[in-house]
Amino acid sequence: MNRRHYAISLQQASQESPTLARLTALTRESSDRLKAIETLIPPLLRPALQAGPIEGTCWCLLVRSNAAAAKVRQLLPAFQAQLRNRGWEVTSIRLKIQT
């Protein structure tokens, strides 16, 4: 069967490709991490954060502004402790300002 002529769902493609399956799993895990620390994030700051990539034991949070990043930096130790309590090995959290 020539796949170029048949549409397949993203879920089917990710199941058939080890690379896409790994990427899907990392995306899901990153979202789960953000949900795990959500209660530690002040409500007005929550919309300024998005789950970012996971690279080994380093997790990246995407932040909308420098001001939000400054506040989030103060919360990073609490975030790391919460994630470790939930079973994730996170040695650092990197912040990336979205432009």
Protein backbone atom coordinates (compact mmCIF):
# COMPACT_ATOMS: atom_id res chain seq x y z
CA MET A 1 0.00 0.00 0.00
CA ASN A 2 1.35 3.41 -0.94
CA ARG A 3 0.71 5.73 2.03
CA ARG A 4 1.11 8.90 0.03
CA HIS A 5 -2.40 8.39 -1.30
CA TYR A 6 -4.15 7.44 1.93
CA ALA A 7 -4.81 9.74 4.85
CA ILE A 8 -4.10 8.33 8.28
CA SER A 9 -4.79 9.81 11.68
CA LEU A 10 -2.06 11.32 13.81
CA GLN A 11 -2.69 8.63 16.42
CA GLN A 12 -2.21 5.87 13.85
CA ALA A 13 0.95 7.52 12.51
CA SER A 14 2.41 7.85 16.01
CA GLN A 15 1.65 4.21 16.78
CA GLU A 16 3.40 3.05 13.63
CA SER A 17 6.48 5.24 14.03
CA PRO A 18 8.76 4.81 17.06
CA THR A 19 9.99 8.39 16.70
CA LEU A 20 6.48 9.86 16.64
CA ALA A 21 5.41 7.56 19.47
CA ARG A 22 8.27 8.85 21.64
CA LEU A 23 7.46 12.46 20.75
CA THR A 24 3.80 11.91 21.63
CA ALA A 25 4.75 10.35 24.97
CA LEU A 26 7.09 13.25 25.82
CA THR A 27 4.43 15.80 24.92
CA ARG A 28 1.89 14.03 27.13
CA GLU A 29 4.40 13.80 30.00
CA SER A 30 5.27 17.49 29.72
CA SER A 31 1.57 18.40 29.92
CA ASP A 32 1.17 16.10 32.92
CA ARG A 33 4.07 17.84 34.65
CA LEU A 34 2.47 21.23 34.14
CA LYS A 35 -0.80 19.92 35.59
CA ALA A 36 1.11 18.54 38.59
CA ILE A 37 2.49 21.97 39.50
CA GLU A 38 -0.61 23.97 38.56
CA THR A 39 -1.70 24.44 42.18
CA LEU A 40 1.67 26.06 42.95
CA ILE A 41 1.27 28.65 40.18
CA PRO A 42 -0.62 31.83 41.12
CA PRO A 43 -3.93 31.88 39.18
CA LEU A 44 -3.10 35.08 37.27
CA LEU A 45 0.23 33.60 36.16
CA ARG A 46 -1.16 30.30 34.83
CA PRO A 47 -2.10 31.59 31.36
CA ALA A 48 1.49 32.82 30.89
CA LEU A 49 2.95 29.29 31.10
CA GLN A 50 3.01 26.39 28.67
CA ALA A 51 4.59 22.97 28.93
CA GLY A 52 7.79 22.74 26.92
CA PRO A 53 10.20 20.01 25.86
CA ILE A 54 11.76 17.42 28.14
CA GLU A 55 15.46 16.73 27.64
CA GLY A 56 16.60 13.99 29.99
CA THR A 57 16.20 15.29 33.53
CA CYS A 58 15.74 18.90 32.39
CA TRP A 59 12.25 20.23 31.69
CA CYS A 60 11.50 23.46 29.88
CA LEU A 61 8.63 25.81 30.65
CA LEU A 62 7.59 28.30 27.99
CA VAL A 63 6.84 31.72 29.47
CA ARG A 64 5.09 34.62 27.72
CA SER A 65 7.03 37.52 29.22
CA ASN A 66 10.12 38.53 31.15
CA ALA A 67 7.96 39.68 34.07
CA ALA A 68 6.25 36.29 34.30
CA ALA A 69 9.62 34.54 34.05
CA ALA A 70 10.96 36.59 36.96
CA LYS A 71 8.10 35.41 39.17
CA VAL A 72 8.35 31.81 37.95
CA ARG A 73 12.08 31.74 38.78
CA GLN A 74 11.15 32.27 42.44
CA LEU A 75 8.84 29.24 42.28
CA LEU A 76 11.24 26.80 40.58
CA PRO A 77 12.44 25.07 43.78
CA ALA A 78 8.83 24.36 44.78
CA PHE A 79 8.05 23.10 41.26
CA GLN A 80 11.03 20.72 41.32
CA ALA A 81 10.09 19.39 44.77
CA GLN A 82 6.48 18.80 43.66
CA LEU A 83 7.59 16.98 40.52
CA ARG A 84 10.03 14.79 42.47
CA ASN A 85 7.24 13.97 44.94
CA ARG A 86 5.14 12.84 41.98
CA GLY A 87 7.90 10.52 40.76
CA TRP A 88 9.57 12.55 38.02
CA GLU A 89 13.34 12.93 38.07
CA VAL A 90 13.74 16.64 37.36
CA THR A 91 17.16 18.08 38.15
CA SER A 92 16.46 21.45 36.52
CA ILE A 93 13.68 23.49 34.99
CA ARG A 94 14.66 25.82 32.18
CA LEU A 95 12.56 28.84 31.27
CA LYS A 96 12.22 30.00 27.69
CA ILE A 97 10.64 33.36 26.96
CA GLN A 98 8.32 33.21 23.96
CA THR A 99 8.68 36.08 21.55
